[in-house]
Amino acid sequence: IHNIARLFTMERKGGNFGERIMRLQRLVYQIRRLCAERNVALVATCRPAKSGIKRLPRPEGGKYLSHTATVIVYLRRTGNVISATLIKHPNRPRKKINLTGGDGLGRITLPFRIVFQEELNNLKRTYREALMDSGRREAFDSLAKAWSSEQGAMSYARILTALEAMLLTAAIDNRKLIMELLEENAKIRSRLEKILEKLEGQHEIQDE
């Protein structure tokens, strides 16, 4: 599970610390129960909480996740060196190892759906709310619907970032709307031409 403490850390109006930690506890309990019933291991990532200098950080989500987790490994990257520190284990002492490699070392490719949803939520929270024109906000909502309906196509596109895939989909959606408007315009023009022909015919009859 990517960023398991998100339910605890994400902003919610009217939510206090106690409500958020209880929500996190219920979620983790349900996931652990399902994993135990199916005999599968639960592996989760979590951002580190802020800590003092030279102190190993705890996971976000208060002391609850630190207490609940059986094994905790803290990963940190500095340049081309990735350090892995075993913070908690039932049978092994605390230990740290360093891995050195090229630029590709330690790169984690998250599922596109997760990256896309985080990108979209960030745009809704920061960009959309900053738009002054209500028409542009409605246009953004329309694009959000197009993005959500075409997640499959965007995930298969060989594009570097989720935002680039979203821009491509937005351009295609805009082109679709333009084509629909051109088609509607052609229908209206055809109707007008027929009306003009009838009017011209009526004028000719009157002249005769």
N, C-alpha and C. Protein backbone atom coordinates (compact mmCIF):
# COMPACT_ATOMS: atom_id res chain seq x y z
N ILE A 1 0.86 -1.18 0.00
CA ILE A 1 0.00 0.00 0.00
C ILE A 1 0.89 1.23 0.00
N HIS A 2 0.66 2.11 -0.97
CA HIS A 2 1.47 3.31 -1.08
C HIS A 2 0.93 4.40 -0.16
N ASN A 3 1.81 4.97 0.68
CA ASN A 3 1.47 6.08 1.56
C ASN A 3 0.25 5.76 2.43
N ILE A 4 0.38 4.78 3.27
CA ILE A 4 -0.74 4.29 4.08
C ILE A 4 -1.27 5.34 5.06
N ALA A 5 -0.44 6.30 5.42
CA ALA A 5 -0.86 7.31 6.40
C ALA A 5 -1.57 8.50 5.76
N ARG A 6 -1.85 8.41 4.46
CA ARG A 6 -2.49 9.55 3.79
C ARG A 6 -3.83 9.90 4.42
N LEU A 7 -4.57 8.88 4.84
CA LEU A 7 -5.87 9.13 5.47
C LEU A 7 -5.71 9.95 6.75
N PHE A 8 -4.56 9.80 7.38
CA PHE A 8 -4.29 10.55 8.61
C PHE A 8 -3.81 11.97 8.30
N THR A 9 -2.99 12.11 7.25
CA THR A 9 -2.34 13.39 7.01
C THR A 9 -3.11 14.32 6.09
N MET A 10 -4.00 13.79 5.24
CA MET A 10 -4.67 14.66 4.28
C MET A 10 -5.60 15.64 4.99
N GLU A 11 -5.72 16.81 4.39
CA GLU A 11 -6.49 17.89 5.00
C GLU A 11 -7.99 17.62 4.87
N ARG A 12 -8.69 17.80 5.96
CA ARG A 12 -10.15 17.67 5.96
C ARG A 12 -10.72 18.76 6.86
N LYS A 13 -11.72 19.44 6.35
CA LYS A 13 -12.32 20.51 7.13
C LYS A 13 -13.05 19.93 8.34
N GLY A 14 -12.78 20.50 9.49
CA GLY A 14 -13.48 20.10 10.69
C GLY A 14 -12.93 18.84 11.35
N GLY A 15 -11.88 18.27 10.78
CA GLY A 15 -11.34 17.04 11.37
C GLY A 15 -10.21 17.35 12.33
N ASN A 16 -10.28 16.83 13.56
CA ASN A 16 -9.20 17.07 14.51
C ASN A 16 -8.29 15.86 14.56
N PHE A 17 -7.26 15.94 15.40
CA PHE A 17 -6.25 14.88 15.47
C PHE A 17 -6.87 13.56 15.91
N GLY A 18 -7.74 13.58 16.90
CA GLY A 18 -8.34 12.35 17.41
C GLY A 18 -9.17 11.64 16.36
N GLU A 19 -9.95 12.40 15.59
CA GLU A 19 -10.78 11.80 14.54
C GLU A 19 -9.92 11.17 13.46
N ARG A 20 -8.83 11.86 13.11
CA ARG A 20 -7.97 11.35 12.03
C ARG A 20 -7.25 10.08 12.46
N ILE A 21 -6.75 10.03 13.68
CA ILE A 21 -6.03 8.83 14.12
C ILE A 21 -6.98 7.65 14.27
N MET A 22 -8.22 7.90 14.69
CA MET A 22 -9.20 6.81 14.78
C MET A 22 -9.56 6.28 13.40
N ARG A 23 -9.64 7.19 12.43
CA ARG A 23 -9.94 6.77 11.06
C ARG A 23 -8.80 5.91 10.51
N LEU A 24 -7.58 6.32 10.80
CA LEU A 24 -6.42 5.54 10.36
C LEU A 24 -6.39 4.17 11.04
N GLN A 25 -6.68 4.13 12.32
CA GLN A 25 -6.67 2.85 13.05
C GLN A 25 -7.71 1.88 12.50
N ARG A 26 -8.90 2.39 12.19
CA ARG A 26 -9.93 1.51 11.63
C ARG A 26 -9.51 0.96 10.28
N LEU A 27 -8.92 1.81 9.45
CA LEU A 27 -8.49 1.38 8.12
C LEU A 27 -7.40 0.32 8.22
N VAL A 28 -6.38 0.57 9.03
CA VAL A 28 -5.27 -0.38 9.16
C VAL A 28 -5.76 -1.70 9.76
N TYR A 29 -6.66 -1.62 10.73
CA TYR A 29 -7.20 -2.85 11.33
C TYR A 29 -7.92 -3.70 10.29
N GLN A 30 -8.75 -3.08 9.44
CA GLN A 30 -9.48 -3.82 8.42
C GLN A 30 -8.52 -4.45 7.40
N ILE A 31 -7.50 -3.71 7.01
CA ILE A 31 -6.54 -4.25 6.04
C ILE A 31 -5.76 -5.41 6.64
N ARG A 32 -5.30 -5.27 7.89
CA ARG A 32 -4.56 -6.35 8.54
C ARG A 32 -5.43 -7.60 8.71
N ARG A 33 -6.70 -7.40 9.04
CA ARG A 33 -7.60 -8.54 9.21
C ARG A 33 -7.77 -9.31 7.90
N LEU A 34 -7.96 -8.55 6.80
CA LEU A 34 -8.12 -9.20 5.49
C LEU A 34 -6.84 -9.94 5.09
N CYS A 35 -5.69 -9.35 5.36
CA CYS A 35 -4.42 -10.01 5.02
C CYS A 35 -4.24 -11.28 5.85
N ALA A 36 -4.62 -11.23 7.12
CA ALA A 36 -4.49 -12.41 7.97
C ALA A 36 -5.42 -13.53 7.51
N GLU A 37 -6.63 -13.17 7.10
CA GLU A 37 -7.58 -14.18 6.63
C GLU A 37 -7.09 -14.87 5.36
N ARG A 38 -6.37 -14.12 4.51
CA ARG A 38 -5.91 -14.67 3.24
C ARG A 38 -4.45 -15.11 3.27
N ASN A 39 -3.84 -14.98 4.45
CA ASN A 39 -2.46 -15.43 4.66
C ASN A 39 -1.50 -14.73 3.70
N VAL A 40 -1.60 -13.41 3.61
CA VAL A 40 -0.70 -12.63 2.76
C VAL A 40 -0.02 -11.57 3.63
N ALA A 41 1.18 -11.19 3.21
CA ALA A 41 1.93 -10.17 3.95
C ALA A 41 1.45 -8.78 3.57
N LEU A 42 1.44 -7.90 4.53
CA LEU A 42 1.06 -6.51 4.30
C LEU A 42 2.33 -5.66 4.27
N VAL A 43 2.61 -5.07 3.10
CA VAL A 43 3.77 -4.20 2.92
C VAL A 43 3.26 -2.81 2.56
N ALA A 44 3.67 -1.82 3.32
CA ALA A 44 3.16 -0.46 3.10
C ALA A 44 4.31 0.53 3.13
N THR A 45 4.15 1.61 2.37
CA THR A 45 5.10 2.71 2.41
C THR A 45 4.48 3.86 3.20
N CYS A 46 5.33 4.72 3.70
CA CYS A 46 4.86 5.84 4.50
C CYS A 46 5.94 6.90 4.54
N ARG A 47 5.54 8.14 4.44
CA ARG A 47 6.54 9.21 4.54
C ARG A 47 7.01 9.35 5.99
N PRO A 48 8.26 9.75 6.18
CA PRO A 48 8.76 9.92 7.55
C PRO A 48 8.21 11.18 8.19
N ALA A 49 7.94 11.09 9.48
CA ALA A 49 7.51 12.28 10.22
C ALA A 49 8.73 13.14 10.52
N LYS A 50 8.49 14.40 10.81
CA LYS A 50 9.60 15.31 11.13
C LYS A 50 10.24 14.90 12.44
N SER A 51 11.56 14.97 12.46
CA SER A 51 12.28 14.59 13.68
C SER A 51 13.47 15.52 13.86
N GLY A 52 14.11 15.41 15.01
CA GLY A 52 15.27 16.23 15.28
C GLY A 52 16.48 15.81 14.47
N ILE A 53 17.50 16.61 14.52
CA ILE A 53 18.73 16.32 13.78
C ILE A 53 19.37 15.04 14.31
N LYS A 54 19.84 14.18 13.39
CA LYS A 54 20.54 12.93 13.70
C LYS A 54 19.63 11.91 14.39
N ARG A 55 18.33 12.11 14.30
CA ARG A 55 17.41 11.12 14.85
C ARG A 55 16.66 10.44 13.72
N LEU A 56 16.53 9.13 13.83
CA LEU A 56 15.77 8.42 12.82
C LEU A 56 14.29 8.75 12.97
N PRO A 57 13.63 9.13 11.89
CA PRO A 57 12.23 9.55 12.01
C PRO A 57 11.28 8.37 12.18
N ARG A 58 10.14 8.66 12.76
CA ARG A 58 9.07 7.67 12.85
C ARG A 58 8.15 7.84 11.65
N PRO A 59 7.34 6.83 11.35
CA PRO A 59 6.38 6.99 10.25
C PRO A 59 5.34 8.04 10.59
N GLU A 60 4.79 8.68 9.55
CA GLU A 60 3.67 9.58 9.76
C GLU A 60 2.50 8.79 10.34
N GLY A 61 1.64 9.48 11.06
CA GLY A 61 0.49 8.80 11.64
C GLY A 61 0.62 8.62 13.14
N GLY A 62 1.51 9.40 13.76
CA GLY A 62 1.68 9.30 15.20
C GLY A 62 2.40 8.01 15.61
N LYS A 63 2.29 7.64 16.87
CA LYS A 63 2.97 6.45 17.38
C LYS A 63 2.25 5.16 16.97
N TYR A 64 1.03 5.30 16.45
CA TYR A 64 0.23 4.11 16.16
C TYR A 64 0.90 3.19 15.14
N LEU A 65 1.35 3.75 14.02
CA LEU A 65 1.97 2.92 12.99
C LEU A 65 3.29 2.32 13.48
N SER A 66 4.05 3.08 14.25
CA SER A 66 5.31 2.55 14.79
C SER A 66 5.05 1.36 15.70
N HIS A 67 3.98 1.43 16.47
CA HIS A 67 3.66 0.35 17.40
C HIS A 67 3.06 -0.85 16.66
N THR A 68 2.26 -0.59 15.63
CA THR A 68 1.55 -1.67 14.93
C THR A 68 2.47 -2.46 14.01
N ALA A 69 3.40 -1.78 13.34
CA ALA A 69 4.26 -2.44 12.35
C ALA A 69 5.18 -3.46 13.02
N THR A 70 5.34 -4.60 12.39
CA THR A 70 6.26 -5.63 12.88
C THR A 70 7.69 -5.32 12.47
N VAL A 71 7.87 -4.84 11.25
CA VAL A 71 9.18 -4.50 10.72
C VAL A 71 9.11 -3.10 10.11
N ILE A 72 10.11 -2.28 10.43
CA ILE A 72 10.18 -0.93 9.87
C ILE A 72 11.58 -0.73 9.28
N VAL A 73 11.62 -0.33 8.01
CA VAL A 73 12.88 -0.02 7.33
C VAL A 73 12.79 1.42 6.83
N TYR A 74 13.80 2.20 7.18
CA TYR A 74 13.85 3.60 6.77
C TYR A 74 14.81 3.73 5.58
N LEU A 75 14.29 4.21 4.43
CA LEU A 75 15.09 4.39 3.22
C LEU A 75 15.35 5.87 3.00
N ARG A 76 16.60 6.18 2.67
CA ARG A 76 16.96 7.56 2.39
C ARG A 76 17.98 7.60 1.26
N ARG A 77 17.75 8.52 0.32
CA ARG A 77 18.65 8.63 -0.82
C ARG A 77 19.41 9.95 -0.76
N THR A 78 20.73 9.86 -0.93
CA THR A 78 21.59 11.03 -1.00
C THR A 78 22.49 10.87 -2.21
N GLY A 79 22.18 11.62 -3.27
CA GLY A 79 22.93 11.45 -4.51
C GLY A 79 22.68 10.07 -5.10
N ASN A 80 23.78 9.32 -5.32
CA ASN A 80 23.68 7.97 -5.85
C ASN A 80 23.76 6.91 -4.76
N VAL A 81 23.64 7.33 -3.52
CA VAL A 81 23.72 6.39 -2.39
C VAL A 81 22.36 6.29 -1.71
N ILE A 82 21.89 5.07 -1.55
CA ILE A 82 20.64 4.82 -0.83
C ILE A 82 20.97 4.05 0.44
N SER A 83 20.56 4.61 1.57
CA SER A 83 20.79 3.95 2.85
C SER A 83 19.49 3.30 3.32
N ALA A 84 19.60 2.08 3.79
CA ALA A 84 18.46 1.34 4.33
C ALA A 84 18.76 1.01 5.78
N THR A 85 17.95 1.52 6.70
CA THR A 85 18.17 1.31 8.13
C THR A 85 17.03 0.47 8.69
N LEU A 86 17.38 -0.67 9.27
CA LEU A 86 16.38 -1.52 9.92
C LEU A 86 16.09 -0.93 11.30
N ILE A 87 14.94 -0.32 11.46
CA ILE A 87 14.59 0.35 12.71
C ILE A 87 13.93 -0.60 13.69
N LYS A 88 13.08 -1.48 13.18
CA LYS A 88 12.33 -2.37 14.06
C LYS A 88 12.23 -3.75 13.43
N HIS A 89 12.50 -4.78 14.24
CA HIS A 89 12.39 -6.17 13.78
C HIS A 89 12.26 -7.05 15.01
N PRO A 90 11.42 -8.07 14.97
CA PRO A 90 11.25 -8.92 16.17
C PRO A 90 12.47 -9.75 16.53
N ASN A 91 13.34 -10.07 15.54
CA ASN A 91 14.46 -10.97 15.81
C ASN A 91 15.83 -10.40 15.47
N ARG A 92 15.89 -9.30 14.78
CA ARG A 92 17.18 -8.78 14.32
C ARG A 92 17.48 -7.43 14.97
N PRO A 93 18.76 -7.16 15.23
CA PRO A 93 19.12 -5.86 15.81
C PRO A 93 19.09 -4.76 14.75
N ARG A 94 19.13 -3.53 15.20
CA ARG A 94 19.14 -2.41 14.27
C ARG A 94 20.41 -2.45 13.43
N LYS A 95 20.24 -2.21 12.12
CA LYS A 95 21.36 -2.32 11.19
C LYS A 95 21.15 -1.37 10.03
N LYS A 96 22.27 -0.90 9.48
CA LYS A 96 22.19 0.03 8.35
C LYS A 96 23.14 -0.43 7.25
N ILE A 97 22.65 -0.39 6.00
CA ILE A 97 23.48 -0.71 4.84
C ILE A 97 23.33 0.40 3.82
N ASN A 98 24.38 0.58 3.00
CA ASN A 98 24.35 1.58 1.94
C ASN A 98 24.49 0.89 0.60
N LEU A 99 23.69 1.34 -0.37
CA LEU A 99 23.75 0.83 -1.73
C LEU A 99 24.18 1.97 -2.63
N THR A 100 25.19 1.72 -3.46
CA THR A 100 25.72 2.74 -4.37
C THR A 100 25.52 2.29 -5.80
N GLY A 101 25.06 3.20 -6.65
CA GLY A 101 24.84 2.85 -8.05
C GLY A 101 24.61 4.07 -8.89
N GLY A 102 24.10 3.87 -10.11
CA GLY A 102 23.87 4.96 -11.04
C GLY A 102 22.56 5.67 -10.77
N ASP A 103 22.14 6.46 -11.75
CA ASP A 103 20.92 7.25 -11.60
C ASP A 103 19.68 6.38 -11.49
N GLY A 104 19.74 5.18 -12.08
CA GLY A 104 18.56 4.32 -12.06
C GLY A 104 18.37 3.58 -10.75
N LEU A 105 19.35 3.63 -9.85
CA LEU A 105 19.27 2.88 -8.60
C LEU A 105 18.20 3.46 -7.70
N GLY A 106 17.36 2.59 -7.21
CA GLY A 106 16.36 3.00 -6.24
C GLY A 106 15.15 3.67 -6.84
N ARG A 107 15.06 3.67 -8.15
CA ARG A 107 13.88 4.31 -8.77
C ARG A 107 12.66 3.41 -8.58
N ILE A 108 11.61 3.98 -8.08
CA ILE A 108 10.38 3.24 -7.84
C ILE A 108 9.31 3.76 -8.80
N THR A 109 8.77 2.89 -9.62
CA THR A 109 7.72 3.27 -10.55
C THR A 109 6.37 2.95 -9.93
N LEU A 110 5.66 3.98 -9.54
CA LEU A 110 4.36 3.79 -8.92
C LEU A 110 3.32 3.49 -9.99
N PRO A 111 2.26 2.78 -9.64
CA PRO A 111 1.17 2.56 -10.60
C PRO A 111 0.63 3.89 -11.10
N PHE A 112 0.32 3.96 -12.40
CA PHE A 112 -0.12 5.22 -12.99
C PHE A 112 -1.36 5.75 -12.30
N ARG A 113 -2.27 4.85 -11.89
CA ARG A 113 -3.50 5.28 -11.25
C ARG A 113 -3.21 6.10 -10.00
N ILE A 114 -2.22 5.68 -9.21
CA ILE A 114 -1.86 6.40 -7.98
C ILE A 114 -1.25 7.75 -8.31
N VAL A 115 -0.30 7.76 -9.28
CA VAL A 115 0.35 9.01 -9.67
C VAL A 115 -0.67 9.99 -10.24
N PHE A 116 -1.57 9.46 -11.09
CA PHE A 116 -2.59 10.31 -11.70
C PHE A 116 -3.51 10.92 -10.65
N GLN A 117 -3.97 10.10 -9.70
CA GLN A 117 -4.90 10.59 -8.69
C GLN A 117 -4.25 11.65 -7.82
N GLU A 118 -2.96 11.46 -7.47
CA GLU A 118 -2.26 12.45 -6.67
C GLU A 118 -2.09 13.76 -7.45
N GLU A 119 -1.78 13.63 -8.75
CA GLU A 119 -1.63 14.81 -9.60
C GLU A 119 -2.95 15.56 -9.72
N LEU A 120 -4.03 14.80 -9.92
CA LEU A 120 -5.35 15.43 -10.07
C LEU A 120 -5.79 16.10 -8.77
N ASN A 121 -5.60 15.43 -7.65
CA ASN A 121 -5.97 16.02 -6.36
C ASN A 121 -5.18 17.29 -6.08
N ASN A 122 -3.90 17.27 -6.46
CA ASN A 122 -3.06 18.45 -6.25
C ASN A 122 -3.55 19.61 -7.12
N LEU A 123 -3.91 19.31 -8.37
CA LEU A 123 -4.42 20.37 -9.27
C LEU A 123 -5.75 20.91 -8.77
N LYS A 124 -6.61 20.04 -8.27
CA LYS A 124 -7.90 20.51 -7.74
C LYS A 124 -7.69 21.41 -6.53
N ARG A 125 -6.76 21.02 -5.66
CA ARG A 125 -6.57 21.75 -4.41
C ARG A 125 -5.85 23.08 -4.62
N THR A 126 -4.91 23.13 -5.58
CA THR A 126 -4.09 24.33 -5.74
C THR A 126 -4.50 25.15 -6.96
N TYR A 127 -4.52 24.52 -8.13
CA TYR A 127 -4.75 25.26 -9.38
C TYR A 127 -6.21 25.65 -9.56
N ARG A 128 -7.13 24.67 -9.44
CA ARG A 128 -8.54 24.95 -9.72
C ARG A 128 -9.08 26.02 -8.78
N GLU A 129 -8.75 25.90 -7.49
CA GLU A 129 -9.29 26.85 -6.51
C GLU A 129 -8.74 28.26 -6.73
N ALA A 130 -7.60 28.36 -7.44
CA ALA A 130 -7.01 29.68 -7.68
C ALA A 130 -7.56 30.35 -8.92
N LEU A 131 -8.29 29.61 -9.75
CA LEU A 131 -8.87 30.19 -10.96
C LEU A 131 -9.94 31.22 -10.60
N MET A 132 -9.84 32.42 -11.18
CA MET A 132 -10.76 33.49 -10.87
C MET A 132 -12.06 33.37 -11.65
N ASP A 133 -11.98 32.87 -12.87
CA ASP A 133 -13.14 32.80 -13.76
C ASP A 133 -13.90 31.50 -13.52
N SER A 134 -15.21 31.60 -13.26
CA SER A 134 -16.02 30.41 -13.00
C SER A 134 -16.11 29.51 -14.24
N GLY A 135 -16.09 30.14 -15.43
CA GLY A 135 -16.13 29.35 -16.66
C GLY A 135 -14.90 28.48 -16.80
N ARG A 136 -13.74 28.99 -16.39
CA ARG A 136 -12.52 28.19 -16.45
C ARG A 136 -12.56 27.06 -15.43
N ARG A 137 -13.17 27.30 -14.27
CA ARG A 137 -13.31 26.21 -13.29
C ARG A 137 -14.20 25.10 -13.83
N GLU A 138 -15.28 25.49 -14.53
CA GLU A 138 -16.15 24.49 -15.15
C GLU A 138 -15.41 23.75 -16.25
N ALA A 139 -14.56 24.46 -17.00
CA ALA A 139 -13.77 23.82 -18.05
C ALA A 139 -12.80 22.81 -17.44
N PHE A 140 -12.21 23.16 -16.28
CA PHE A 140 -11.31 22.23 -15.59
C PHE A 140 -12.07 20.98 -15.16
N ASP A 141 -13.28 21.16 -14.62
CA ASP A 141 -14.08 20.01 -14.19
C ASP A 141 -14.41 19.10 -15.38
N SER A 142 -14.64 19.71 -16.53
CA SER A 142 -14.92 18.93 -17.73
C SER A 142 -13.71 18.11 -18.13
N LEU A 143 -12.52 18.71 -18.04
CA LEU A 143 -11.29 17.97 -18.35
C LEU A 143 -11.04 16.86 -17.33
N ALA A 144 -11.37 17.12 -16.07
CA ALA A 144 -11.18 16.10 -15.04
C ALA A 144 -12.02 14.86 -15.35
N LYS A 145 -13.23 15.07 -15.87
CA LYS A 145 -14.06 13.93 -16.26
C LYS A 145 -13.43 13.18 -17.43
N ALA A 146 -12.88 13.92 -18.38
CA ALA A 146 -12.24 13.29 -19.53
C ALA A 146 -11.01 12.49 -19.08
N TRP A 147 -10.21 13.07 -18.18
CA TRP A 147 -9.03 12.36 -17.68
C TRP A 147 -9.43 11.07 -16.97
N SER A 148 -10.44 11.16 -16.10
CA SER A 148 -10.85 10.00 -15.32
C SER A 148 -11.36 8.87 -16.22
N SER A 149 -12.05 9.25 -17.31
CA SER A 149 -12.61 8.22 -18.18
C SER A 149 -11.56 7.60 -19.10
N GLU A 150 -10.38 8.24 -19.23
CA GLU A 150 -9.35 7.73 -20.13
C GLU A 150 -8.07 7.35 -19.38
N GLN A 151 -8.20 6.92 -18.13
CA GLN A 151 -7.02 6.51 -17.37
C GLN A 151 -6.29 5.35 -18.04
N GLY A 152 -7.06 4.43 -18.61
CA GLY A 152 -6.45 3.27 -19.25
C GLY A 152 -5.55 3.67 -20.40
N ALA A 153 -6.04 4.56 -21.27
CA ALA A 153 -5.24 5.00 -22.41
C ALA A 153 -4.00 5.76 -21.95
N MET A 154 -4.15 6.61 -20.92
CA MET A 154 -3.02 7.39 -20.43
C MET A 154 -1.96 6.49 -19.81
N SER A 155 -2.39 5.42 -19.14
CA SER A 155 -1.42 4.54 -18.49
C SER A 155 -0.59 3.76 -19.50
N TYR A 156 -1.15 3.54 -20.71
CA TYR A 156 -0.41 2.81 -21.75
C TYR A 156 0.46 3.72 -22.60
N ALA A 157 0.24 5.04 -22.50
CA ALA A 157 1.05 5.98 -23.29
C ALA A 157 2.48 6.03 -22.75
N ARG A 158 3.44 5.99 -23.63
CA ARG A 158 4.85 6.02 -23.22
C ARG A 158 5.29 7.46 -23.04
N ILE A 159 4.78 8.07 -21.99
CA ILE A 159 5.06 9.47 -21.68
C ILE A 159 5.68 9.53 -20.29
N LEU A 160 6.59 10.48 -20.09
CA LEU A 160 7.39 10.51 -18.87
C LEU A 160 6.57 10.75 -17.62
N THR A 161 5.66 11.72 -17.65
CA THR A 161 4.94 12.09 -16.43
C THR A 161 3.44 11.98 -16.63
N ALA A 162 2.75 11.87 -15.50
CA ALA A 162 1.29 11.82 -15.53
C ALA A 162 0.72 13.13 -16.07
N LEU A 163 1.36 14.25 -15.74
CA LEU A 163 0.86 15.54 -16.19
C LEU A 163 0.93 15.66 -17.70
N GLU A 164 2.00 15.11 -18.32
CA GLU A 164 2.10 15.13 -19.79
C GLU A 164 0.99 14.31 -20.42
N ALA A 165 0.69 13.15 -19.82
CA ALA A 165 -0.41 12.33 -20.33
C ALA A 165 -1.74 13.06 -20.19
N MET A 166 -1.90 13.80 -19.09
CA MET A 166 -3.13 14.56 -18.88
C MET A 166 -3.25 15.69 -19.89
N LEU A 167 -2.12 16.34 -20.22
CA LEU A 167 -2.13 17.42 -21.22
C LEU A 167 -2.49 16.87 -22.59
N LEU A 168 -1.95 15.68 -22.94
CA LEU A 168 -2.29 15.05 -24.21
C LEU A 168 -3.78 14.74 -24.28
N THR A 169 -4.31 14.17 -23.20
CA THR A 169 -5.74 13.84 -23.17
C THR A 169 -6.60 15.10 -23.25
N ALA A 170 -6.14 16.18 -22.59
CA ALA A 170 -6.88 17.45 -22.65
C ALA A 170 -6.90 17.99 -24.07
N ALA A 171 -5.75 17.90 -24.78
CA ALA A 171 -5.70 18.37 -26.16
C ALA A 171 -6.64 17.56 -27.05
N ILE A 172 -6.66 16.23 -26.84
CA ILE A 172 -7.54 15.38 -27.63
C ILE A 172 -9.01 15.70 -27.33
N ASP A 173 -9.31 15.92 -26.05
CA ASP A 173 -10.69 16.24 -25.68
C ASP A 173 -11.12 17.58 -26.28
N ASN A 174 -10.20 18.55 -26.29
CA ASN A 174 -10.51 19.84 -26.91
C ASN A 174 -10.75 19.68 -28.41
N ARG A 175 -9.93 18.83 -29.05
CA ARG A 175 -10.12 18.58 -30.48
C ARG A 175 -11.47 17.92 -30.76
N LYS A 176 -11.86 17.01 -29.87
CA LYS A 176 -13.17 16.37 -30.01
C LYS A 176 -14.29 17.40 -29.93
N LEU A 177 -14.18 18.34 -28.96
CA LEU A 177 -15.20 19.38 -28.83
C LEU A 177 -15.22 20.28 -30.06
N ILE A 178 -14.05 20.60 -30.61
CA ILE A 178 -13.98 21.43 -31.82
C ILE A 178 -14.67 20.73 -32.99
N MET A 179 -14.40 19.42 -33.14
CA MET A 179 -15.01 18.66 -34.22
C MET A 179 -16.53 18.61 -34.07
N GLU A 180 -17.00 18.46 -32.81
CA GLU A 180 -18.44 18.47 -32.58
C GLU A 180 -19.05 19.81 -32.94
N LEU A 181 -18.34 20.91 -32.60
CA LEU A 181 -18.83 22.25 -32.94
C LEU A 181 -18.83 22.47 -34.45
N LEU A 182 -17.79 21.97 -35.15
CA LEU A 182 -17.74 22.10 -36.60
C LEU A 182 -18.90 21.34 -37.26
N GLU A 183 -19.16 20.14 -36.72
CA GLU A 183 -20.27 19.35 -37.26
C GLU A 183 -21.60 20.05 -37.03
N GLU A 184 -21.78 20.60 -35.84
CA GLU A 184 -23.02 21.32 -35.54
C GLU A 184 -23.14 22.57 -36.41
N ASN A 185 -22.00 23.24 -36.63
CA ASN A 185 -22.00 24.43 -37.48
C ASN A 185 -22.37 24.08 -38.92
N ALA A 186 -21.87 22.92 -39.39
CA ALA A 186 -22.20 22.49 -40.75
C ALA A 186 -23.69 22.20 -40.88
N LYS A 187 -24.31 21.61 -39.87
CA LYS A 187 -25.74 21.33 -39.90
C LYS A 187 -26.54 22.63 -39.93
N ILE A 188 -26.11 23.58 -39.11
CA ILE A 188 -26.82 24.87 -39.07
C ILE A 188 -26.69 25.58 -40.42
N ARG A 189 -25.49 25.53 -41.02
CA ARG A 189 -25.30 26.16 -42.32
C ARG A 189 -26.16 25.51 -43.40
N SER A 190 -26.26 24.17 -43.33
CA SER A 190 -27.09 23.46 -44.30
C SER A 190 -28.56 23.87 -44.17
N ARG A 191 -29.03 24.01 -42.93
CA ARG A 191 -30.42 24.43 -42.72
C ARG A 191 -30.64 25.85 -43.23
N LEU A 192 -29.68 26.74 -42.98
CA LEU A 192 -29.81 28.12 -43.44
C LEU A 192 -29.85 28.18 -44.97
N GLU A 193 -29.01 27.37 -45.62
CA GLU A 193 -29.00 27.36 -47.08
C GLU A 193 -30.35 26.91 -47.63
N LYS A 194 -30.96 25.89 -46.98
CA LYS A 194 -32.28 25.42 -47.43
C LYS A 194 -33.34 26.50 -47.23
N ILE A 195 -33.25 27.23 -46.10
CA ILE A 195 -34.20 28.31 -45.84
C ILE A 195 -34.04 29.43 -46.87
N LEU A 196 -32.76 29.76 -47.19
CA LEU A 196 -32.51 30.79 -48.19
C LEU A 196 -33.04 30.38 -49.57
N GLU A 197 -32.90 29.11 -49.90
CA GLU A 197 -33.41 28.62 -51.19
C GLU A 197 -34.93 28.77 -51.26
N LYS A 198 -35.61 28.42 -50.15
CA LYS A 198 -37.06 28.57 -50.13
C LYS A 198 -37.48 30.02 -50.25
N LEU A 199 -36.75 30.91 -49.55
CA LEU A 199 -37.07 32.33 -49.61
C LEU A 199 -36.86 32.87 -51.02
N GLU A 200 -35.76 32.47 -51.65
CA GLU A 200 -35.50 32.92 -53.01
C GLU A 200 -36.58 32.42 -53.97
N GLY A 201 -37.03 31.16 -53.76
CA GLY A 201 -38.11 30.61 -54.59
C GLY A 201 -39.40 31.38 -54.43
N GLN A 202 -39.70 31.78 -53.19
CA GLN A 202 -40.91 32.56 -52.94
C GLN A 202 -40.82 33.92 -53.60
N HIS A 203 -39.65 34.56 -53.59
CA HIS A 203 -39.48 35.86 -54.23
C HIS A 203 -39.67 35.76 -55.74
N GLU A 204 -39.17 34.69 -56.33
CA GLU A 204 -39.31 34.50 -57.76
C GLU A 204 -40.79 34.34 -58.15
N ILE A 205 -41.53 33.58 -57.33
CA ILE A 205 -42.97 33.40 -57.60
C ILE A 205 -43.71 34.72 -57.52
N GLN A 206 -43.36 35.53 -56.51
CA GLN A 206 -44.01 36.83 -56.34
C GLN A 206 -43.69 37.75 -57.52
N ASP A 207 -42.45 37.70 -58.02
CA ASP A 207 -42.07 38.54 -59.16
C ASP A 207 -42.84 38.16 -60.40
N GLU A 208 -43.07 36.87 -60.60
CA GLU A 208 -43.83 36.41 -61.76
C GLU A 208 -45.29 36.89 -61.68
